[in-house]
Amino acid sequence: MKSISVEEVQQLLAAGKELNLIDVREVDEVSVGKIPSAINMPLGLIEFRMNELDKSKEYIMVCRSGGRSGQATTFLDNQGFIVMNMDGGMIAWAGDVE
C-alpha cells in the first residue's frame, strides 16, 4: 500500500497543490474538524460511492489514525484506483481544519 506522511500532505497544500483528499471518518467525527477541501466519504459507504471517484485521479485517504483509511486505500487500490494512505491520520495533523 502506498502511503504519504502528514508532513508531506501539509507541504503540498502549503505549496498550493490541489489534492484529492477523501476523509473516511464518520459524519460526526468530521463535524469536529477536517482538512479543508477534503471530501467526507465514510468507510462503510466507499463501496457504494466509489462511482463518484475518477480512476484517472490520485486520491489521499484520511481517517482518525490511519487504520480505516488504510482499509479504504487497499479496497480502492484493488478496484483500480490510484490511492495512498495518509499515515498518522487526523491525530497527527497539525495543519488547518474546517
Protein backbone atom coordinates (compact mmCIF):
# COMPACT_ATOMS: atom_id res chain seq x y z
CA MET A 1 0.00 0.00 0.00
CA LYS A 2 1.30 3.41 -0.93
CA SER A 3 1.36 5.98 1.84
CA ILE A 4 2.16 9.63 2.40
CA SER A 5 3.11 11.39 5.61
CA VAL A 6 1.06 14.12 7.25
CA GLU A 7 4.04 16.46 6.77
CA GLU A 8 4.16 15.75 3.03
CA VAL A 9 0.44 16.48 2.67
CA GLN A 10 0.83 19.74 4.61
CA GLN A 11 3.80 20.77 2.44
CA LEU A 12 1.92 20.02 -0.78
CA LEU A 13 -1.11 22.01 0.36
CA ALA A 14 1.10 24.91 1.51
CA ALA A 15 2.70 24.92 -1.94
CA GLY A 16 -0.74 25.34 -3.50
CA LYS A 17 -1.01 21.82 -4.91
CA GLU A 18 -4.58 20.67 -5.43
CA LEU A 19 -5.01 17.34 -3.67
CA ASN A 20 -7.93 14.93 -3.77
CA LEU A 21 -8.41 14.16 -0.08
CA ILE A 22 -11.07 11.66 0.99
CA ASP A 23 -11.88 11.62 4.70
CA VAL A 24 -13.34 8.20 5.56
CA ARG A 25 -14.36 9.06 9.12
CA GLU A 26 -18.00 9.12 10.19
CA VAL A 27 -20.01 12.33 9.75
CA ASP A 28 -19.96 13.11 13.49
CA GLU A 29 -16.15 12.80 13.56
CA VAL A 30 -15.75 15.09 10.56
CA SER A 31 -18.05 17.69 12.12
CA VAL A 32 -15.36 18.25 14.79
CA GLY A 33 -12.92 19.27 12.04
CA LYS A 34 -11.49 18.10 8.74
CA ILE A 35 -8.75 19.16 6.37
CA PRO A 36 -10.08 21.98 4.16
CA SER A 37 -11.06 20.64 0.71
CA ALA A 38 -11.36 17.03 1.97
CA ILE A 39 -14.49 15.19 0.89
CA ASN A 40 -16.24 13.10 3.53
CA MET A 41 -16.96 9.56 2.36
CA PRO A 42 -17.39 7.29 5.41
CA LEU A 43 -15.59 3.94 5.12
CA GLY A 44 -18.85 1.99 5.21
CA LEU A 45 -20.07 3.86 2.13
CA ILE A 46 -16.89 3.66 0.00
CA GLU A 47 -18.13 0.64 -1.94
CA PHE A 48 -21.39 2.42 -2.79
CA ARG A 49 -19.88 5.85 -3.55
CA MET A 50 -16.71 4.88 -5.43
CA ASN A 51 -18.55 5.68 -8.67
CA GLU A 52 -18.13 9.35 -7.62
CA LEU A 53 -14.35 8.97 -7.95
CA ASP A 54 -12.28 9.24 -11.14
CA LYS A 55 -9.80 6.42 -11.79
CA SER A 56 -7.51 8.86 -13.61
CA LYS A 57 -7.00 10.98 -10.47
CA GLU A 58 -4.87 10.29 -7.42
CA TYR A 59 -6.59 10.20 -4.02
CA ILE A 60 -5.23 10.51 -0.49
CA MET A 61 -7.29 8.68 2.10
CA VAL A 62 -7.60 10.18 5.60
CA CYS A 63 -9.11 8.97 8.88
CA ARG A 64 -8.50 9.48 12.61
CA SER A 65 -5.30 7.44 12.94
CA GLY A 66 -4.63 5.73 9.61
CA GLY A 67 -6.39 2.38 10.12
CA ARG A 68 -9.69 2.94 8.35
CA SER A 69 -8.04 4.98 5.62
CA GLY A 70 -5.66 2.05 5.14
CA GLN A 71 -8.64 -0.26 4.63
CA ALA A 72 -10.15 2.20 2.14
CA THR A 73 -6.81 2.51 0.34
CA THR A 74 -6.49 -1.26 -0.04
CA PHE A 75 -10.09 -1.62 -1.22
CA LEU A 76 -9.89 1.19 -3.79
CA ASP A 77 -6.47 0.05 -5.00
CA ASN A 78 -7.98 -3.38 -5.67
CA GLN A 79 -10.72 -1.64 -7.68
CA GLY A 80 -8.14 0.06 -9.92
CA PHE A 81 -7.97 3.50 -8.28
CA ILE A 82 -4.75 5.45 -7.67
CA VAL A 83 -4.75 5.85 -3.89
CA MET A 84 -2.45 6.35 -0.94
CA ASN A 85 -2.96 6.37 2.80
CA MET A 86 -2.10 9.39 4.94
CA ASP A 87 -0.05 7.90 7.78
CA GLY A 88 -0.98 9.07 11.26
CA GLY A 89 -4.36 10.44 10.25
CA MET A 90 -6.00 13.44 11.86
CA ILE A 91 -4.35 12.67 15.20
CA ALA A 92 -1.03 13.69 13.62
CA TRP A 93 -2.49 16.56 11.58
CA ALA A 94 -1.20 19.97 12.71
CA GLY A 95 -2.50 21.99 9.77
CA ASP A 96 -5.70 23.94 9.28
CA VAL A 97 -9.09 22.34 9.84
CA GLU A 98 -12.58 23.47 8.95
